[in-house]
């Protein structure tokens, strides 16, 4: 999962998620290409979790997107990053909140039973 946002001073802030076990390797690779990519710094944030909703045509269904984010809000889950394609919506949150987010989303979308939105 990757996110590219504008940062102060006309620079961009690029964020991406790797498994914690791969963070040292990712840092080493980034340090090797620092001059080529012209970036200022790299920061590792341990303790994040990713929660995804997978299905067909999700990005174009505003009702499902709204329910997804309302569910996270109702579960008091702070979203740090968002990625979406036609087949999934994913957020990065604190690892301590990921299980609560997942349980709340499963309840919202009635996993295992037909959802009225997905008929």
PDB file of N, CA and C in Angstrom:
ATOM      1  N   UNK A   1       0.846  -1.160   0.000  1.00  0.00           N
ATOM      2  CA  UNK A   1       0.000   0.000   0.000  1.00  0.00           C
ATOM      3  C   UNK A   1       0.895   1.227   0.000  1.00  0.00           C
ATOM      4  N   UNK A   2       0.645   2.168  -0.862  1.00  0.00           N
ATOM      5  CA  UNK A   2       1.459   3.378  -0.959  1.00  0.00           C
ATOM      6  C   UNK A   2       0.568   4.599  -1.054  1.00  0.00           C
ATOM      7  N   UNK A   3       1.078   5.716  -0.555  1.00  0.00           N
ATOM      8  CA  UNK A   3       0.342   6.975  -0.622  1.00  0.00           C
ATOM      9  C   UNK A   3       1.341   8.085  -0.897  1.00  0.00           C
ATOM     10  N   UNK A   4       1.019   8.960  -1.832  1.00  0.00           N
ATOM     11  CA  UNK A   4       1.862  10.088  -2.198  1.00  0.00           C
ATOM     12  C   UNK A   4       1.062  11.360  -1.975  1.00  0.00           C
ATOM     13  N   UNK A   5       1.537  12.229  -1.073  1.00  0.00           N
ATOM     14  CA  UNK A   5       0.832  13.464  -0.774  1.00  0.00           C
ATOM     15  C   UNK A   5       1.778  14.651  -0.869  1.00  0.00           C
ATOM     16  N   UNK A   6       1.223  15.811  -1.110  1.00  0.00           N
ATOM     17  CA  UNK A   6       2.019  17.036  -1.145  1.00  0.00           C
ATOM     18  C   UNK A   6       2.437  17.409   0.259  1.00  0.00           C
ATOM     19  N   UNK A   7       3.662  17.896   0.371  1.00  0.00           N
ATOM     20  CA  UNK A   7       4.193  18.341   1.655  1.00  0.00           C
ATOM     21  C   UNK A   7       4.606  19.801   1.520  1.00  0.00           C
ATOM     22  N   UNK A   8       4.789  20.488   2.633  1.00  0.00           N
ATOM     23  CA  UNK A   8       5.211  21.890   2.563  1.00  0.00           C
ATOM     24  C   UNK A   8       6.499  22.056   1.751  1.00  0.00           C
ATOM     25  N   UNK A   9       6.622  23.193   1.084  1.00  0.00           N
ATOM     26  CA  UNK A   9       7.833  23.482   0.333  1.00  0.00           C
ATOM     27  C   UNK A   9       7.863  22.858  -1.047  1.00  0.00           C
ATOM     28  N   UNK A  10       6.704  22.409  -1.548  1.00  0.00           N
ATOM     29  CA  UNK A  10       6.663  21.828  -2.882  1.00  0.00           C
ATOM     30  C   UNK A  10       7.216  20.421  -2.967  1.00  0.00           C
ATOM     31  N   UNK A  11       7.461  19.792  -1.849  1.00  0.00           N
ATOM     32  CA  UNK A  11       7.974  18.422  -1.827  1.00  0.00           C
ATOM     33  C   UNK A  11       6.807  17.453  -1.702  1.00  0.00           C
ATOM     34  N   UNK A  12       7.063  16.211  -1.965  1.00  0.00           N
ATOM     35  CA  UNK A  12       6.056  15.174  -1.788  1.00  0.00           C
ATOM     36  C   UNK A  12       6.440  14.282  -0.624  1.00  0.00           C
ATOM     37  N   UNK A  13       5.434  13.735   0.010  1.00  0.00           N
ATOM     38  CA  UNK A  13       5.606  12.800   1.111  1.00  0.00           C
ATOM     39  C   UNK A  13       5.105  11.455   0.614  1.00  0.00           C
ATOM     40  N   UNK A  14       5.983  10.486   0.506  1.00  0.00           N
ATOM     41  CA  UNK A  14       5.623   9.157   0.022  1.00  0.00           C
ATOM     42  C   UNK A  14       5.625   8.196   1.201  1.00  0.00           C
ATOM     43  N   UNK A  15       4.516   7.521   1.389  1.00  0.00           N
ATOM     44  CA  UNK A  15       4.386   6.549   2.467  1.00  0.00           C
ATOM     45  C   UNK A  15       4.037   5.203   1.870  1.00  0.00           C
ATOM     46  N   UNK A  16       4.576   4.147   2.441  1.00  0.00           N
ATOM     47  CA  UNK A  16       4.181   2.812   2.016  1.00  0.00           C
ATOM     48  C   UNK A  16       4.298   1.854   3.180  1.00  0.00           C
ATOM     49  N   UNK A  17       3.624   0.729   3.064  1.00  0.00           N
ATOM     50  CA  UNK A  17       3.537  -0.236   4.142  1.00  0.00           C
ATOM     51  C   UNK A  17       4.235  -1.522   3.731  1.00  0.00           C
ATOM     52  N   UNK A  18       5.102  -1.996   4.616  1.00  0.00           N
ATOM     53  CA  UNK A  18       5.722  -3.315   4.465  1.00  0.00           C
ATOM     54  C   UNK A  18       5.558  -4.036   5.795  1.00  0.00           C
ATOM     55  N   UNK A  19       5.669  -5.332   5.746  1.00  0.00           N
ATOM     56  CA  UNK A  19       5.621  -6.113   6.966  1.00  0.00           C
ATOM     57  C   UNK A  19       6.777  -5.685   7.873  1.00  0.00           C
ATOM     58  N   UNK A  20       6.528  -5.658   9.163  1.00  0.00           N
ATOM     59  CA  UNK A  20       7.566  -5.239  10.116  1.00  0.00           C
ATOM     60  C   UNK A  20       8.854  -6.047   9.948  1.00  0.00           C
ATOM     61  N   UNK A  21       8.722  -7.319   9.605  1.00  0.00           N
ATOM     62  CA  UNK A  21       9.910  -8.169   9.412  1.00  0.00           C
ATOM     63  C   UNK A  21      10.763  -7.694   8.249  1.00  0.00           C
ATOM     64  N   UNK A  22      10.156  -6.951   7.306  1.00  0.00           N
ATOM     65  CA  UNK A  22      10.874  -6.466   6.124  1.00  0.00           C
ATOM     66  C   UNK A  22      11.333  -5.021   6.246  1.00  0.00           C
ATOM     67  N   UNK A  23      11.083  -4.391   7.388  1.00  0.00           N
ATOM     68  CA  UNK A  23      11.376  -2.958   7.507  1.00  0.00           C
ATOM     69  C   UNK A  23      12.869  -2.654   7.410  1.00  0.00           C
ATOM     70  N   UNK A  24      13.718  -3.478   7.985  1.00  0.00           N
ATOM     71  CA  UNK A  24      15.167  -3.229   7.901  1.00  0.00           C
ATOM     72  C   UNK A  24      15.648  -3.340   6.458  1.00  0.00           C
ATOM     73  N   UNK A  25      15.147  -4.323   5.728  1.00  0.00           N
ATOM     74  CA  UNK A  25      15.523  -4.480   4.315  1.00  0.00           C
ATOM     75  C   UNK A  25      15.032  -3.288   3.504  1.00  0.00           C
ATOM     76  N   UNK A  26      13.802  -2.863   3.746  1.00  0.00           N
ATOM     77  CA  UNK A  26      13.253  -1.703   3.028  1.00  0.00           C
ATOM     78  C   UNK A  26      14.093  -0.457   3.299  1.00  0.00           C
ATOM     79  N   UNK A  27      14.474  -0.259   4.543  1.00  0.00           N
ATOM     80  CA  UNK A  27      15.319   0.896   4.888  1.00  0.00           C
ATOM     81  C   UNK A  27      16.667   0.823   4.169  1.00  0.00           C
ATOM     82  N   UNK A  28      17.266  -0.349   4.136  1.00  0.00           N
ATOM     83  CA  UNK A  28      18.568  -0.502   3.476  1.00  0.00           C
ATOM     84  C   UNK A  28      18.465  -0.201   1.983  1.00  0.00           C
ATOM     85  N   UNK A  29      17.428  -0.699   1.346  1.00  0.00           N
ATOM     86  CA  UNK A  29      17.236  -0.449  -0.090  1.00  0.00           C
ATOM     87  C   UNK A  29      17.024   1.042  -0.335  1.00  0.00           C
ATOM     88  N   UNK A  30      16.216   1.677   0.488  1.00  0.00           N
ATOM     89  CA  UNK A  30      15.971   3.110   0.315  1.00  0.00           C
ATOM     90  C   UNK A  30      17.245   3.930   0.517  1.00  0.00           C
ATOM     91  N   UNK A  31      18.048   3.552   1.459  1.00  0.00           N
ATOM     92  CA  UNK A  31      19.316   4.264   1.664  1.00  0.00           C
ATOM     93  C   UNK A  31      20.222   4.125   0.437  1.00  0.00           C
ATOM     94  N   UNK A  32      20.183   2.977  -0.228  1.00  0.00           N
ATOM     95  CA  UNK A  32      21.004   2.760  -1.426  1.00  0.00           C
ATOM     96  C   UNK A  32      20.580   3.664  -2.583  1.00  0.00           C
ATOM     97  N   UNK A  33      19.313   4.044  -2.632  1.00  0.00           N
ATOM     98  CA  UNK A  33      18.821   4.860  -3.752  1.00  0.00           C
ATOM     99  C   UNK A  33      18.524   6.306  -3.344  1.00  0.00           C
ATOM    100  N   UNK A  34      18.986   6.696  -2.177  1.00  0.00           N
ATOM    101  CA  UNK A  34      18.723   8.053  -1.667  1.00  0.00           C
ATOM    102  C   UNK A  34      19.124   9.128  -2.674  1.00  0.00           C
ATOM    103  N   UNK A  35      20.335   9.072  -3.213  1.00  0.00           N
ATOM    104  CA  UNK A  35      20.800  10.106  -4.148  1.00  0.00           C
ATOM    105  C   UNK A  35      20.037  10.076  -5.470  1.00  0.00           C
ATOM    106  N   UNK A  36      19.705   8.880  -5.931  1.00  0.00           N
ATOM    107  CA  UNK A  36      18.970   8.754  -7.194  1.00  0.00           C
ATOM    108  C   UNK A  36      17.559   9.324  -7.068  1.00  0.00           C
ATOM    109  N   UNK A  37      16.897   9.042  -5.969  1.00  0.00           N
ATOM    110  CA  UNK A  37      15.514   9.488  -5.774  1.00  0.00           C
ATOM    111  C   UNK A  37      15.415  10.873  -5.137  1.00  0.00           C
ATOM    112  N   UNK A  38      16.532  11.378  -4.638  1.00  0.00           N
ATOM    113  CA  UNK A  38      16.592  12.736  -4.065  1.00  0.00           C
ATOM    114  C   UNK A  38      15.587  12.946  -2.932  1.00  0.00           C
ATOM    115  N   UNK A  39      15.614  12.099  -1.920  1.00  0.00           N
ATOM    116  CA  UNK A  39      14.730  12.326  -0.781  1.00  0.00           C
ATOM    117  C   UNK A  39      15.544  12.725   0.441  1.00  0.00           C
ATOM    118  N   UNK A  40      14.856  13.382   1.372  1.00  0.00           N
ATOM    119  CA  UNK A  40      15.525  13.917   2.548  1.00  0.00           C
ATOM    120  C   UNK A  40      15.663  12.911   3.677  1.00  0.00           C
ATOM    121  N   UNK A  41      14.609  12.163   3.942  1.00  0.00           N
ATOM    122  CA  UNK A  41      14.658  11.287   5.101  1.00  0.00           C
ATOM    123  C   UNK A  41      13.725  10.092   4.927  1.00  0.00           C
ATOM    124  N   UNK A  42      13.971   9.105   5.759  1.00  0.00           N
ATOM    125  CA  UNK A  42      13.150   7.906   5.819  1.00  0.00           C
ATOM    126  C   UNK A  42      12.803   7.684   7.282  1.00  0.00           C
ATOM    127  N   UNK A  43      11.554   7.355   7.517  1.00  0.00           N
ATOM    128  CA  UNK A  43      11.096   7.101   8.884  1.00  0.00           C
ATOM    129  C   UNK A  43      10.322   5.791   8.902  1.00  0.00           C
ATOM    130  N   UNK A  44      10.586   4.971   9.893  1.00  0.00           N
ATOM    131  CA  UNK A  44       9.848   3.726  10.066  1.00  0.00           C
ATOM    132  C   UNK A  44       8.881   3.911  11.225  1.00  0.00           C
ATOM    133  N   UNK A  45       7.636   3.544  10.997  1.00  0.00           N
ATOM    134  CA  UNK A  45       6.603   3.636  12.018  1.00  0.00           C
ATOM    135  C   UNK A  45       6.121   2.216  12.299  1.00  0.00           C
ATOM    136  N   UNK A  46       6.605   1.652  13.379  1.00  0.00           N
ATOM    137  CA  UNK A  46       6.207   0.305  13.787  1.00  0.00           C
ATOM    138  C   UNK A  46       4.889   0.424  14.560  1.00  0.00           C
ATOM    139  N   UNK A  47       4.026  -0.535  14.384  1.00  0.00           N
ATOM    140  CA  UNK A  47       2.778  -0.524  15.139  1.00  0.00           C
ATOM    141  C   UNK A  47       1.587  -0.043  14.341  1.00  0.00           C
ATOM    142  N   UNK A  48       1.624  -0.249  13.026  1.00  0.00           N
ATOM    143  CA  UNK A  48       0.464   0.092  12.208  1.00  0.00           C
ATOM    144  C   UNK A  48      -0.206  -1.187  11.741  1.00  0.00           C
ATOM    145  N   UNK A  49      -1.474  -1.084  11.444  1.00  0.00           N
ATOM    146  CA  UNK A  49      -2.228  -2.214  10.923  1.00  0.00           C
ATOM    147  C   UNK A  49      -3.004  -1.783   9.694  1.00  0.00           C
ATOM    148  N   UNK A  50      -3.299  -2.741   8.831  1.00  0.00           N
ATOM    149  CA  UNK A  50      -4.069  -2.448   7.622  1.00  0.00           C
ATOM    150  C   UNK A  50      -5.361  -3.239   7.665  1.00  0.00           C
ATOM    151  N   UNK A  51      -6.448  -2.558   7.313  1.00  0.00           N
ATOM    152  CA  UNK A  51      -7.767  -3.186   7.283  1.00  0.00           C
ATOM    153  C   UNK A  51      -8.344  -2.948   5.899  1.00  0.00           C
ATOM    154  N   UNK A  52      -8.759  -4.016   5.235  1.00  0.00           N
ATOM    155  CA  UNK A  52      -9.234  -3.915   3.854  1.00  0.00           C
ATOM    156  C   UNK A  52     -10.631  -4.497   3.692  1.00  0.00           C
ATOM    157  N   UNK A  53     -11.339  -3.933   2.736  1.00  0.00           N
ATOM    158  CA  UNK A  53     -12.618  -4.475   2.276  1.00  0.00           C
ATOM    159  C   UNK A  53     -12.409  -4.852   0.821  1.00  0.00           C
ATOM    160  N   UNK A  54     -12.695  -6.090   0.476  1.00  0.00           N
ATOM    161  CA  UNK A  54     -12.447  -6.590  -0.871  1.00  0.00           C
ATOM    162  C   UNK A  54     -13.772  -6.950  -1.526  1.00  0.00           C
ATOM    163  N   UNK A  55     -13.919  -6.533  -2.778  1.00  0.00           N
ATOM    164  CA  UNK A  55     -15.139  -6.829  -3.522  1.00  0.00           C
ATOM    165  C   UNK A  55     -15.051  -6.255  -4.920  1.00  0.00           C
ATOM    166  N   UNK A  56     -16.140  -6.331  -5.648  1.00  0.00           N
ATOM    167  CA  UNK A  56     -16.166  -5.848  -7.032  1.00  0.00           C
ATOM    168  C   UNK A  56     -16.711  -4.424  -7.086  1.00  0.00           C
ATOM    169  N   UNK A  57     -16.113  -3.596  -7.909  1.00  0.00           N
ATOM    170  CA  UNK A  57     -16.564  -2.228  -8.184  1.00  0.00           C
ATOM    171  C   UNK A  57     -16.740  -1.380  -6.929  1.00  0.00           C
ATOM    172  N   UNK A  58     -15.852  -1.529  -5.974  1.00  0.00           N
ATOM    173  CA  UNK A  58     -15.986  -0.798  -4.713  1.00  0.00           C
ATOM    174  C   UNK A  58     -15.755   0.699  -4.874  1.00  0.00           C
ATOM    175  N   UNK A  59     -14.742   1.059  -5.641  1.00  0.00           N
ATOM    176  CA  UNK A  59     -14.381   2.475  -5.740  1.00  0.00           C
ATOM    177  C   UNK A  59     -15.509   3.305  -6.354  1.00  0.00           C
ATOM    178  N   UNK A  60     -16.306   2.699  -7.199  1.00  0.00           N
ATOM    179  CA  UNK A  60     -17.379   3.450  -7.851  1.00  0.00           C
ATOM    180  C   UNK A  60     -18.702   3.390  -7.091  1.00  0.00           C
ATOM    181  N   UNK A  61     -18.739   2.697  -5.952  1.00  0.00           N
ATOM    182  CA  UNK A  61     -19.973   2.580  -5.177  1.00  0.00           C
ATOM    183  C   UNK A  61     -19.867   3.475  -3.942  1.00  0.00           C
ATOM    184  N   UNK A  62     -20.365   4.690  -4.051  1.00  0.00           N
ATOM    185  CA  UNK A  62     -20.224   5.663  -2.969  1.00  0.00           C
ATOM    186  C   UNK A  62     -20.934   5.228  -1.686  1.00  0.00           C
ATOM    187  N   UNK A  63     -21.996   4.455  -1.813  1.00  0.00           N
ATOM    188  CA  UNK A  63     -22.708   4.004  -0.618  1.00  0.00           C
ATOM    189  C   UNK A  63     -21.850   3.040   0.203  1.00  0.00           C
ATOM    190  N   UNK A  64     -21.157   2.135  -0.455  1.00  0.00           N
ATOM    191  CA  UNK A  64     -20.274   1.207   0.257  1.00  0.00           C
ATOM    192  C   UNK A  64     -19.106   1.964   0.874  1.00  0.00           C
ATOM    193  N   UNK A  65     -18.528   2.895   0.133  1.00  0.00           N
ATOM    194  CA  UNK A  65     -17.416   3.686   0.665  1.00  0.00           C
ATOM    195  C   UNK A  65     -17.878   4.458   1.898  1.00  0.00           C
ATOM    196  N   UNK A  66     -19.032   5.067   1.830  1.00  0.00           N
ATOM    197  CA  UNK A  66     -19.555   5.818   2.974  1.00  0.00           C
ATOM    198  C   UNK A  66     -19.758   4.900   4.173  1.00  0.00           C
ATOM    199  N   UNK A  67     -20.348   3.742   3.965  1.00  0.00           N
ATOM    200  CA  UNK A  67     -20.565   2.799   5.074  1.00  0.00           C
ATOM    201  C   UNK A  67     -19.243   2.319   5.659  1.00  0.00           C
ATOM    202  N   UNK A  68     -18.244   2.119   4.815  1.00  0.00           N
ATOM    203  CA  UNK A  68     -16.915   1.683   5.271  1.00  0.00           C
ATOM    204  C   UNK A  68     -16.336   2.709   6.246  1.00  0.00           C
ATOM    205  N   UNK A  69     -16.317   3.976   5.838  1.00  0.00           N
ATOM    206  CA  UNK A  69     -15.722   5.001   6.689  1.00  0.00           C
ATOM    207  C   UNK A  69     -16.608   5.355   7.882  1.00  0.00           C
ATOM    208  N   UNK A  70     -17.921   5.267   7.732  1.00  0.00           N
ATOM    209  CA  UNK A  70     -18.814   5.472   8.881  1.00  0.00           C
ATOM    210  C   UNK A  70     -18.591   4.376   9.923  1.00  0.00           C
ATOM    211  N   UNK A  71     -18.386   3.159   9.470  1.00  0.00           N
ATOM    212  CA  UNK A  71     -18.129   2.050  10.377  1.00  0.00           C
ATOM    213  C   UNK A  71     -16.840   2.279  11.164  1.00  0.00           C
ATOM    214  N   UNK A  72     -15.790   2.736  10.479  1.00  0.00           N
ATOM    215  CA  UNK A  72     -14.525   3.022  11.166  1.00  0.00           C
ATOM    216  C   UNK A  72     -14.701   4.172  12.165  1.00  0.00           C
ATOM    217  N   UNK A  73     -15.450   5.194  11.758  1.00  0.00           N
ATOM    218  CA  UNK A  73     -15.724   6.314  12.671  1.00  0.00           C
ATOM    219  C   UNK A  73     -16.490   5.825  13.901  1.00  0.00           C
ATOM    220  N   UNK A  74     -17.522   5.018  13.682  1.00  0.00           N
ATOM    221  CA  UNK A  74     -18.334   4.524  14.793  1.00  0.00           C
ATOM    222  C   UNK A  74     -17.522   3.644  15.740  1.00  0.00           C
ATOM    223  N   UNK A  75     -16.505   2.991  15.218  1.00  0.00           N
ATOM    224  CA  UNK A  75     -15.625   2.149  16.042  1.00  0.00           C
ATOM    225  C   UNK A  75     -14.506   2.969  16.676  1.00  0.00           C
ATOM    226  N   UNK A  76     -14.509   4.281  16.435  1.00  0.00           N
ATOM    227  CA  UNK A  76     -13.498   5.200  16.963  1.00  0.00           C
ATOM    228  C   UNK A  76     -12.091   4.798  16.508  1.00  0.00           C
ATOM    229  N   UNK A  77     -11.980   4.531  15.209  1.00  0.00           N
ATOM    230  CA  UNK A  77     -10.703   4.132  14.605  1.00  0.00           C
ATOM    231  C   UNK A  77     -10.174   5.307  13.785  1.00  0.00           C
ATOM    232  N   UNK A  78      -8.985   5.758  14.108  1.00  0.00           N
ATOM    233  CA  UNK A  78      -8.350   6.855  13.376  1.00  0.00           C
ATOM    234  C   UNK A  78      -7.665   6.285  12.133  1.00  0.00           C
ATOM    235  N   UNK A  79      -7.954   6.878  10.991  1.00  0.00           N
ATOM    236  CA  UNK A  79      -7.385   6.439   9.714  1.00  0.00           C
ATOM    237  C   UNK A  79      -6.156   7.287   9.407  1.00  0.00           C
ATOM    238  N   UNK A  80      -5.034   6.628   9.103  1.00  0.00           N
ATOM    239  CA  UNK A  80      -3.796   7.340   8.798  1.00  0.00           C
ATOM    240  C   UNK A  80      -3.495   7.390   7.302  1.00  0.00           C
ATOM    241  N   UNK A  81      -3.888   6.369   6.565  1.00  0.00           N
ATOM    242  CA  UNK A  81      -3.685   6.318   5.117  1.00  0.00           C
ATOM    243  C   UNK A  81      -4.859   5.594   4.495  1.00  0.00           C
ATOM    244  N   UNK A  82      -5.134   5.924   3.221  1.00  0.00           N
ATOM    245  CA  UNK A  82      -6.223   5.281   2.480  1.00  0.00           C
ATOM    246  C   UNK A  82      -5.710   4.890   1.106  1.00  0.00           C
ATOM    247  N   UNK A  83      -6.096   3.713   0.643  1.00  0.00           N
ATOM    248  CA  UNK A  83      -5.837   3.290  -0.733  1.00  0.00           C
ATOM    249  C   UNK A  83      -7.098   2.610  -1.238  1.00  0.00           C
ATOM    250  N   UNK A  84      -7.399   2.827  -2.516  1.00  0.00           N
ATOM    251  CA  UNK A  84      -8.603   2.215  -3.083  1.00  0.00           C
ATOM    252  C   UNK A  84      -8.380   1.873  -4.546  1.00  0.00           C
ATOM    253  N   UNK A  85      -8.902   0.746  -4.943  1.00  0.00           N
ATOM    254  CA  UNK A  85      -8.976   0.343  -6.342  1.00  0.00           C
ATOM    255  C   UNK A  85     -10.409  -0.111  -6.573  1.00  0.00           C
ATOM    256  N   UNK A  86     -10.703  -0.601  -7.751  1.00  0.00           N
ATOM    257  CA  UNK A  86     -12.046  -1.125  -7.993  1.00  0.00           C
ATOM    258  C   UNK A  86     -12.332  -2.364  -7.161  1.00  0.00           C
ATOM    259  N   UNK A  87     -11.285  -3.074  -6.734  1.00  0.00           N
ATOM    260  CA  UNK A  87     -11.507  -4.337  -6.027  1.00  0.00           C
ATOM    261  C   UNK A  87     -11.227  -4.283  -4.530  1.00  0.00           C
ATOM    262  N   UNK A  88     -10.687  -3.186  -3.998  1.00  0.00           N
ATOM    263  CA  UNK A  88     -10.498  -3.106  -2.553  1.00  0.00           C
ATOM    264  C   UNK A  88     -10.421  -1.659  -2.077  1.00  0.00           C
ATOM    265  N   UNK A  89     -10.761  -1.491  -0.800  1.00  0.00           N
ATOM    266  CA  UNK A  89     -10.541  -0.247  -0.064  1.00  0.00           C
ATOM    267  C   UNK A  89      -9.726  -0.661   1.154  1.00  0.00           C
ATOM    268  N   UNK A  90      -8.618   0.016   1.399  1.00  0.00           N
ATOM    269  CA  UNK A  90      -7.773  -0.326   2.539  1.00  0.00           C
ATOM    270  C   UNK A  90      -7.389   0.937   3.286  1.00  0.00           C
ATOM    271  N   UNK A  91      -7.297   0.800   4.604  1.00  0.00           N
ATOM    272  CA  UNK A  91      -6.812   1.898   5.430  1.00  0.00           C
ATOM    273  C   UNK A  91      -5.690   1.388   6.319  1.00  0.00           C
ATOM    274  N   UNK A  92      -4.819   2.320   6.673  1.00  0.00           N
ATOM    275  CA  UNK A  92      -3.799   2.049   7.680  1.00  0.00           C
ATOM    276  C   UNK A  92      -4.225   2.782   8.932  1.00  0.00           C
ATOM    277  N   UNK A  93      -4.149   2.085  10.034  1.00  0.00           N
ATOM    278  CA  UNK A  93      -4.497   2.637  11.335  1.00  0.00           C
ATOM    279  C   UNK A  93      -3.466   2.127  12.341  1.00  0.00           C
ATOM    280  N   UNK A  94      -3.607   2.484  13.577  1.00  0.00           N
ATOM    281  CA  UNK A  94      -2.707   1.954  14.595  1.00  0.00           C
ATOM    282  C   UNK A  94      -3.006   0.467  14.759  1.00  0.00           C
ATOM    283  N   UNK A  95      -1.974  -0.320  14.992  1.00  0.00           N
ATOM    284  CA  UNK A  95      -2.128  -1.764  15.120  1.00  0.00           C
ATOM    285  C   UNK A  95      -3.120  -2.120  16.227  1.00  0.00           C
ATOM    286  N   UNK A  96      -3.096  -1.357  17.312  1.00  0.00           N
ATOM    287  CA  UNK A  96      -3.995  -1.639  18.442  1.00  0.00           C
ATOM    288  C   UNK A  96      -5.467  -1.464  18.059  1.00  0.00           C
ATOM    289  N   UNK A  97      -5.753  -0.706  16.994  1.00  0.00           N
ATOM    290  CA  UNK A  97      -7.128  -0.459  16.565  1.00  0.00           C
ATOM    291  C   UNK A  97      -7.582  -1.383  15.435  1.00  0.00           C
ATOM    292  N   UNK A  98      -6.658  -2.108  14.825  1.00  0.00           N
ATOM    293  CA  UNK A  98      -6.979  -2.893  13.626  1.00  0.00           C
ATOM    294  C   UNK A  98      -7.997  -3.997  13.901  1.00  0.00           C
ATOM    295  N   UNK A  99      -7.869  -4.713  15.015  1.00  0.00           N
ATOM    296  CA  UNK A  99      -8.831  -5.779  15.320  1.00  0.00           C
ATOM    297  C   UNK A  99     -10.226  -5.213  15.548  1.00  0.00           C
ATOM    298  N   UNK A 100     -10.310  -4.105  16.285  1.00  0.00           N
ATOM    299  CA  UNK A 100     -11.603  -3.469  16.530  1.00  0.00           C
ATOM    300  C   UNK A 100     -12.218  -3.004  15.211  1.00  0.00           C
ATOM    301  N   UNK A 101     -11.396  -2.429  14.342  1.00  0.00           N
ATOM    302  CA  UNK A 101     -11.879  -1.976  13.031  1.00  0.00           C
ATOM    303  C   UNK A 101     -12.397  -3.154  12.221  1.00  0.00           C
ATOM    304  N   UNK A 102     -11.642  -4.234  12.208  1.00  0.00           N
ATOM    305  CA  UNK A 102     -12.030  -5.412  11.444  1.00  0.00           C
ATOM    306  C   UNK A 102     -13.349  -5.993  11.954  1.00  0.00           C
ATOM    307  N   UNK A 103     -13.477  -6.118  13.262  1.00  0.00           N
ATOM    308  CA  UNK A 103     -14.725  -6.654  13.839  1.00  0.00           C
ATOM    309  C   UNK A 103     -15.911  -5.754  13.495  1.00  0.00           C
ATOM    310  N   UNK A 104     -15.716  -4.459  13.589  1.00  0.00           N
ATOM    311  CA  UNK A 104     -16.807  -3.526  13.315  1.00  0.00           C
ATOM    312  C   UNK A 104     -17.195  -3.567  11.841  1.00  0.00           C
ATOM    313  N   UNK A 105     -16.201  -3.650  10.960  1.00  0.00           N
ATOM    314  CA  UNK A 105     -16.497  -3.735   9.525  1.00  0.00           C
ATOM    315  C   UNK A 105     -17.218  -5.040   9.191  1.00  0.00           C
ATOM    316  N   UNK A 106     -16.796  -6.140   9.813  1.00  0.00           N
ATOM    317  CA  UNK A 106     -17.485  -7.415   9.576  1.00  0.00           C
ATOM    318  C   UNK A 106     -18.941  -7.320   9.995  1.00  0.00           C
ATOM    319  N   UNK A 107     -19.183  -6.672  11.118  1.00  0.00           N
ATOM    320  CA  UNK A 107     -20.555  -6.484  11.575  1.00  0.00           C
ATOM    321  C   UNK A 107     -21.332  -5.580  10.614  1.00  0.00           C
ATOM    322  N   UNK A 108     -20.713  -4.504  10.181  1.00  0.00           N
ATOM    323  CA  UNK A 108     -21.367  -3.558   9.276  1.00  0.00           C
ATOM    324  C   UNK A 108     -21.764  -4.218   7.964  1.00  0.00           C
ATOM    325  N   UNK A 109     -20.852  -5.030   7.424  1.00  0.00           N
ATOM    326  CA  UNK A 109     -21.101  -5.637   6.118  1.00  0.00           C
ATOM    327  C   UNK A 109     -21.593  -7.077   6.222  1.00  0.00           C
ATOM    328  N   UNK A 110     -21.934  -7.503   7.432  1.00  0.00           N
ATOM    329  CA  UNK A 110     -22.525  -8.818   7.653  1.00  0.00           C
ATOM    330  C   UNK A 110     -21.753  -9.924   6.948  1.00  0.00           C
ATOM    331  N   UNK A 111     -20.469  -9.993   7.225  1.00  0.00           N
ATOM    332  CA  UNK A 111     -19.643 -11.002   6.562  1.00  0.00           C
ATOM    333  C   UNK A 111     -20.229 -12.391   6.822  1.00  0.00           C
ATOM    334  N   UNK A 112     -20.294 -13.156   5.768  1.00  0.00           N
ATOM    335  CA  UNK A 112     -20.847 -14.493   5.862  1.00  0.00           C
ATOM    336  C   UNK A 112     -22.328 -14.546   5.487  1.00  0.00           C
ATOM    337  N   UNK A 113     -22.983 -13.391   5.457  1.00  0.00           N
ATOM    338  CA  UNK A 113     -24.381 -13.320   5.049  1.00  0.00           C
ATOM    339  C   UNK A 113     -24.478 -12.297   3.920  1.00  0.00           C
ATOM    340  N   UNK A 114     -25.472 -12.429   3.061  1.00  0.00           N
ATOM    341  CA  UNK A 114     -25.634 -11.434   2.003  1.00  0.00           C
ATOM    342  C   UNK A 114     -25.883 -10.042   2.585  1.00  0.00           C
ATOM    343  N   UNK A 115     -25.162  -9.070   2.104  1.00  0.00           N
ATOM    344  CA  UNK A 115     -25.353  -7.685   2.527  1.00  0.00           C
ATOM    345  C   UNK A 115     -26.388  -7.037   1.617  1.00  0.00           C
ATOM    346  N   UNK A 116     -27.280  -6.227   2.174  1.00  0.00           N
ATOM    347  CA  UNK A 116     -28.274  -5.541   1.313  1.00  0.00           C
ATOM    348  C   UNK A 116     -27.611  -4.676   0.244  1.00  0.00           C
ATOM    349  N   UNK A 117     -26.398  -4.195   0.495  1.00  0.00           N
ATOM    350  CA  UNK A 117     -25.718  -3.371  -0.507  1.00  0.00           C
ATOM    351  C   UNK A 117     -25.091  -4.202  -1.614  1.00  0.00           C
ATOM    352  N   UNK A 118     -24.882  -5.469  -1.359  1.00  0.00           N
ATOM    353  CA  UNK A 118     -24.128  -6.285  -2.307  1.00  0.00           C
ATOM    354  C   UNK A 118     -25.006  -7.273  -3.056  1.00  0.00           C
ATOM    355  N   UNK A 119     -26.304  -7.046  -3.088  1.00  0.00           N
ATOM    356  CA  UNK A 119     -27.226  -7.938  -3.804  1.00  0.00           C
ATOM    357  C   UNK A 119     -26.969  -7.901  -5.291  1.00  0.00           C
TER     358      UNK A 119
END
